[in-house]
Protein backbone atom coordinates (compact mmCIF):
# COMPACT_ATOMS: atom_id res chain seq x y z
CA MET A 1 -3.37 3.29 32.89
CA LYS A 2 0.24 4.10 31.86
CA LEU A 3 1.84 2.16 28.96
CA PRO A 4 5.31 2.57 27.53
CA ILE A 5 4.84 3.44 23.83
CA PHE A 6 7.27 3.93 21.05
CA ILE A 7 7.23 4.85 17.33
CA ALA A 8 9.73 3.15 15.09
CA ASP A 9 10.26 3.68 11.31
CA ALA A 10 10.75 0.21 9.73
CA PHE A 11 12.63 -0.82 6.63
CA THR A 12 14.94 2.17 6.71
CA ALA A 13 18.13 3.17 8.47
CA ARG A 14 17.02 6.79 8.58
CA ALA A 15 14.34 8.60 10.61
CA PHE A 16 11.23 9.75 8.84
CA ARG A 17 11.44 7.21 6.00
CA GLY A 18 10.23 3.65 5.82
CA ASN A 19 7.02 2.70 7.52
CA PRO A 20 6.26 4.03 10.96
CA ALA A 21 4.57 1.73 13.56
CA ALA A 22 3.56 2.37 17.12
CA VAL A 23 4.73 -0.27 19.68
CA CYS A 24 3.04 -0.70 23.08
CA LEU A 25 4.66 -2.83 25.84
CA LEU A 26 2.01 -4.51 28.00
CA GLU A 27 3.12 -5.36 31.49
CA ASN A 28 -0.40 -6.61 32.27
CA GLU A 29 -3.48 -7.67 30.34
CA LEU A 30 -5.22 -4.88 28.36
CA GLU A 31 -8.94 -4.67 28.06
CA GLU A 32 -9.83 -6.01 24.67
CA ASP A 33 -11.43 -2.83 23.31
CA MET A 34 -8.49 -0.72 24.34
CA HIS A 35 -6.23 -2.24 21.71
CA GLN A 36 -8.46 -0.79 18.95
CA LYS A 37 -8.91 2.57 20.79
CA ILE A 38 -5.17 3.03 21.13
CA ALA A 39 -4.55 2.05 17.45
CA ARG A 40 -7.14 4.65 16.46
CA GLU A 41 -5.54 7.26 18.63
CA MET A 42 -2.03 6.61 17.22
CA ASN A 43 -3.49 6.72 13.72
CA LEU A 44 -0.60 4.98 12.03
CA SER A 45 -1.04 2.18 9.59
CA GLU A 46 -0.27 -0.32 12.44
CA THR A 47 -0.01 -0.29 16.26
CA ALA A 48 1.74 -3.32 17.69
CA PHE A 49 1.08 -4.70 21.23
CA ILE A 50 3.86 -6.85 22.82
CA ARG A 51 2.69 -8.88 25.82
CA LYS A 52 4.34 -11.15 28.21
CA LEU A 53 3.28 -14.89 27.94
CA HIS A 54 4.06 -15.63 31.58
CA PRO A 55 3.92 -13.41 34.73
CA THR A 56 7.63 -14.00 35.38
CA ASP A 57 8.62 -12.80 31.85
CA ASN A 58 10.85 -9.80 31.44
CA PHE A 59 11.09 -7.59 28.34
CA ALA A 60 14.80 -7.32 28.73
CA GLN A 61 15.60 -11.00 29.23
CA SER A 62 12.84 -13.20 27.82
CA SER A 63 13.00 -14.38 24.25
CA CYS A 64 9.30 -15.17 23.51
CA PHE A 65 6.37 -12.78 23.60
CA GLY A 66 2.80 -12.43 22.31
CA LEU A 67 2.26 -9.97 19.57
CA ARG A 68 -0.90 -8.41 18.00
CA TRP A 69 -1.31 -5.77 15.31
CA PHE A 70 -4.07 -3.28 14.78
CA THR A 71 -4.77 -0.79 12.02
CA PRO A 72 -6.96 2.23 13.06
CA ALA A 73 -9.96 0.16 11.75
CA SER A 74 -9.31 -3.52 12.72
CA GLU A 75 -6.97 -6.22 13.92
CA VAL A 76 -4.87 -7.84 11.20
CA PRO A 77 -3.41 -11.37 11.03
CA LEU A 78 0.10 -10.37 9.90
CA CYS A 79 2.08 -7.13 9.82
CA GLY A 80 5.77 -7.26 8.82
CA HIS A 81 6.84 -3.72 9.49
CA ALA A 82 5.29 -3.50 12.90
CA THR A 83 7.03 -6.84 13.76
CA LEU A 84 10.26 -5.25 12.69
CA ALA A 85 9.49 -2.16 14.70
CA SER A 86 8.60 -4.36 17.76
CA ALA A 87 11.88 -6.13 17.54
CA ALA A 88 13.76 -2.85 17.14
CA VAL A 89 12.16 -1.47 20.33
CA LEU A 90 13.03 -4.60 22.26
CA PHE A 91 16.62 -4.87 20.87
CA TYR A 92 17.67 -1.18 20.73
CA LYS A 93 15.56 0.48 23.52
CA ILE A 94 14.90 -2.23 26.06
CA LYS A 95 18.31 -3.82 25.31
CA ASN A 96 16.94 -7.30 25.20
CA MET A 97 19.82 -9.67 25.74
CA ASN A 98 18.79 -12.35 23.09
CA SER A 99 19.98 -12.37 19.52
CA THR A 100 16.66 -13.95 18.37
CA LEU A 101 13.12 -13.13 19.51
CA THR A 102 10.02 -15.30 18.90
CA PHE A 103 6.62 -13.67 18.56
CA VAL A 104 3.44 -15.70 19.06
CA THR A 105 0.85 -14.33 16.63
CA LEU A 106 -2.25 -14.94 14.56
CA SER A 107 0.07 -16.19 11.84
CA GLY A 108 1.88 -18.55 14.04
CA GLU A 109 5.35 -18.13 15.51
CA LEU A 110 7.51 -15.34 13.85
CA ARG A 111 11.20 -14.87 14.59
CA ALA A 112 13.22 -11.72 14.45
CA ARG A 113 17.02 -11.85 14.82
CA GLN A 114 19.69 -9.20 14.95
CA ALA A 115 22.01 -8.96 11.94
CA GLU A 116 24.89 -6.64 11.15
CA ASP A 117 22.82 -4.65 8.73
CA GLY A 118 19.49 -4.53 10.59
CA ILE A 119 16.85 -7.10 11.71
CA VAL A 120 15.80 -10.24 9.86
CA LEU A 121 12.28 -11.39 10.00
CA ASP A 122 11.34 -15.06 9.49
CA LEU A 123 7.87 -14.90 7.81
CA PRO A 124 5.69 -17.43 6.03
CA LEU A 125 6.06 -17.49 2.16
CA TYR A 126 2.68 -17.15 0.59
CA PRO A 127 2.18 -18.84 -2.84
CA VAL A 128 0.28 -17.00 -5.64
CA TYR A 129 -2.00 -18.34 -8.32
CA PRO A 130 -3.16 -17.00 -11.67
CA GLN A 131 -6.21 -14.81 -11.38
CA ASP A 132 -8.85 -14.51 -14.12
CA PHE A 133 -8.82 -10.84 -15.37
CA HIS A 134 -12.63 -10.64 -15.87
CA GLU A 135 -13.33 -11.50 -12.21
CA VAL A 136 -11.29 -8.48 -11.06
CA GLU A 137 -11.67 -6.19 -14.12
CA ASP A 138 -13.75 -3.57 -12.37
CA LEU A 139 -11.32 -3.42 -9.38
CA ILE A 140 -8.38 -3.01 -11.70
CA LYS A 141 -10.03 -0.30 -13.90
CA THR A 142 -11.16 1.52 -10.75
CA ALA A 143 -7.75 1.53 -9.19
CA ILE A 144 -5.45 2.26 -12.17
CA GLY A 145 -7.56 3.03 -15.15
CA ASN A 146 -6.07 1.90 -18.47
CA THR A 147 -2.57 1.19 -17.13
CA LEU A 148 -1.07 -1.80 -18.89
CA VAL A 149 -1.12 -4.90 -16.68
CA GLN A 150 1.22 -7.85 -17.64
CA ASP A 151 0.24 -10.46 -15.08
CA ILE A 152 -2.49 -10.87 -12.45
CA CYS A 153 -2.06 -13.32 -9.46
CA TYR A 154 -3.96 -13.91 -6.24
CA SER A 155 -2.80 -14.99 -2.73
CA PRO A 156 -5.67 -16.83 -1.07
CA ASP A 157 -3.83 -17.11 2.25
CA THR A 158 -3.53 -13.29 2.56
CA ARG A 159 -6.41 -12.22 0.25
CA LYS A 160 -4.04 -9.99 -1.58
CA LEU A 161 -4.29 -9.31 -5.34
CA LEU A 162 -0.98 -8.90 -7.17
CA LEU A 163 -0.92 -6.82 -10.44
CA ARG A 164 2.34 -6.83 -12.34
CA LEU A 165 2.49 -3.75 -14.51
CA SER A 166 3.88 -3.87 -18.05
CA ASP A 167 7.75 -4.12 -18.38
CA THR A 168 7.50 -1.12 -20.65
CA TYR A 169 7.03 1.00 -17.49
CA ASN A 170 9.81 2.14 -15.19
CA ARG A 171 10.15 2.98 -11.52
CA SER A 172 9.34 6.62 -12.02
CA PHE A 173 5.98 5.63 -13.64
CA LEU A 174 5.06 3.44 -10.64
CA GLU A 175 6.06 6.12 -8.13
CA ASN A 176 3.94 8.71 -9.89
CA LEU A 177 0.99 6.58 -10.73
CA LYS A 178 -2.29 8.01 -9.26
CA VAL A 179 -4.18 5.08 -7.68
CA ASN A 180 -7.80 5.55 -6.83
CA THR A 181 -8.50 3.78 -3.47
CA GLU A 182 -11.56 5.65 -2.49
CA ASN A 183 -13.96 3.69 -4.64
CA LEU A 184 -12.42 0.22 -4.16
CA LEU A 185 -14.60 -0.68 -1.26
CA GLN A 186 -17.76 -0.24 -3.39
CA VAL A 187 -16.28 -2.20 -6.32
CA GLU A 188 -14.84 -5.04 -4.17
CA ASN A 189 -17.02 -5.80 -1.13
CA THR A 190 -17.08 -9.58 -1.23
CA GLY A 191 -14.20 -10.07 1.21
CA LYS A 192 -12.05 -11.75 -1.38
CA VAL A 193 -9.55 -8.97 -1.70
CA LYS A 194 -8.12 -7.19 1.40
CA GLY A 195 -4.99 -5.78 -0.20
CA LEU A 196 -3.78 -4.61 -3.66
CA ILE A 197 -0.10 -5.00 -4.71
CA LEU A 198 1.22 -3.19 -7.77
CA THR A 199 4.63 -4.46 -8.79
CA LEU A 200 7.10 -3.89 -11.53
CA LYS A 201 10.30 -5.72 -12.69
CA GLY A 202 13.44 -4.02 -11.52
CA GLU A 203 16.01 -2.35 -13.73
CA PRO A 204 19.76 -2.00 -13.66
CA GLY A 205 20.68 0.66 -11.15
CA GLY A 206 23.56 2.37 -13.07
CA GLN A 207 25.06 4.75 -10.51
CA SER A 208 22.51 3.84 -7.82
CA ARG A 209 21.76 0.50 -6.29
CA SER A 210 19.73 -1.82 -8.51
CA PHE A 211 16.62 -3.66 -7.38
CA ASP A 212 15.13 -6.91 -8.45
CA PHE A 213 11.51 -5.49 -8.20
CA TYR A 214 9.47 -2.46 -7.16
CA SER A 215 6.07 -2.33 -5.56
CA ARG A 216 3.36 -0.24 -3.94
CA TYR A 217 0.66 -1.55 -1.63
CA PHE A 218 -2.91 -0.45 -0.96
CA ALA A 219 -5.31 -1.74 1.74
CA PRO A 220 -8.41 0.52 2.12
CA TRP A 221 -10.33 -2.55 3.15
CA VAL A 222 -8.55 -2.43 6.46
CA GLY A 223 -8.39 1.30 6.74
CA VAL A 224 -4.93 1.91 5.04
CA ALA A 225 -5.18 3.76 1.69
CA GLU A 226 -1.51 3.17 0.96
CA ASP A 227 1.03 1.56 3.21
CA PRO A 228 4.60 2.99 2.98
CA VAL A 229 6.54 -0.37 3.28
CA THR A 230 4.84 -3.70 3.71
CA GLY A 231 6.51 -6.82 5.04
CA SER A 232 3.38 -9.05 4.59
CA ALA A 233 3.09 -7.97 0.91
CA HIS A 234 6.73 -8.98 0.37
CA ALA A 235 5.90 -12.41 1.74
CA VAL A 236 3.70 -12.70 -1.35
CA LEU A 237 5.95 -10.68 -3.67
CA SER A 238 8.94 -12.96 -2.86
CA SER A 239 7.01 -15.95 -3.92
CA TYR A 240 6.00 -14.39 -7.31
CA TRP A 241 9.34 -12.78 -8.23
CA SER A 242 11.35 -15.80 -7.11
CA GLN A 243 9.54 -17.86 -9.70
CA GLN A 244 9.72 -15.14 -12.37
CA LEU A 245 13.47 -14.33 -11.97
CA GLY A 246 14.62 -17.75 -10.76
CA LYS A 247 16.32 -16.22 -7.76
CA LYS A 248 16.19 -16.96 -4.04
CA GLU A 249 18.12 -13.84 -2.92
CA MET A 250 16.55 -10.49 -3.96
CA HIS A 251 16.62 -6.85 -3.23
CA ALA A 252 13.35 -4.95 -3.32
CA PHE A 253 12.22 -1.32 -3.02
CA GLN A 254 8.69 -0.15 -2.13
CA CYS A 255 7.99 3.01 -4.09
CA SER A 256 5.83 4.92 -1.69
CA GLN A 257 6.46 8.61 -0.83
CA ARG A 258 8.46 7.55 2.20
CA GLY A 259 10.13 4.55 0.50
CA GLY A 260 11.78 1.53 1.98
CA GLU A 261 14.37 -1.22 1.10
CA LEU A 262 13.95 -4.88 1.79
CA GLY A 263 16.51 -7.74 1.53
CA ILE A 264 14.86 -11.14 0.73
CA SER A 265 16.10 -14.62 1.13
CA LEU A 266 13.90 -17.65 0.37
CA ARG A 267 14.35 -20.50 2.77
CA PRO A 268 13.16 -24.12 2.90
CA ALA A 269 9.82 -25.23 4.18
CA GLY A 270 7.87 -22.30 2.79
CA ARG A 271 9.57 -19.48 4.72
CA VAL A 272 11.20 -16.26 3.78
CA ASP A 273 13.71 -14.07 5.51
CA ILE A 274 12.97 -10.35 5.07
CA ARG A 275 15.67 -7.99 6.24
CA GLY A 276 15.42 -4.31 6.98
CA GLY A 277 16.63 -1.46 9.15
CA ALA A 278 14.70 0.45 11.75
CA ALA A 279 14.94 3.78 13.56
CA VAL A 280 13.09 4.47 16.81
CA VAL A 281 11.93 8.07 16.53
CA LEU A 282 9.73 8.52 19.65
CA GLU A 283 9.39 7.01 23.11
CA GLY A 284 6.98 8.04 25.78
CA THR A 285 4.06 7.07 28.02
CA LEU A 286 0.51 6.49 26.92
CA THR A 287 -1.95 7.61 29.81
CA ALA A 288 -5.70 7.08 29.94
């Protein structure tokens, strides 16, 4: 078996920042268990598998492909950064001739289109609902101790819990906050929560570029302690912050060690455009 494989850093214009994802191009069907084995071998937060939907399809000319995402531990229903990475490989390395690509996924059809300043993903916008503190008190205390929480919301579609930290905190506080992910699996094992979002209202940028909101994302339930930059979390965050700020156009920063920027545009019919750059940093052949 020989598979073309790439690693692309998503939501960044520069190598070694943003969120890395492995991207495999499947000329033929892959044995089901091989997806997980390859993802475990790559050991990145996500490995994406792009497959042809018809035997006559061509990676350079076709505009519609199948797409699946695997963490080292399991398959996931949606991954924004690995979708961006997949589109970057097809656009920048395979030189796909189309301006828009459609991916058939577990979350329905997702589109990625080329833009002047990167790639724009068309993702579902996931609504959030108020969450009772006492139901998730143990999880919050385990993760962030006595850090002040201003608002708690839950996204049932994605099973993500969103914690808005107090407006008294700044970006530096969020960046340096020690989050205990090791014990979260023992505290929350009902299946209700599969991801934890910490978010903070933005602040004027002064000399640097200002952001509408900041975030960090943790998903030990699917084998990812902290994800560097997360498209699917922003499909939830966009819904929350649009309501809070009264804005449909936003600029976000995910405060992981690698860091990443996302441009956000809410669209009709429950969709959101999430824009980001991507840098392909590795290409080779996987052999087994």
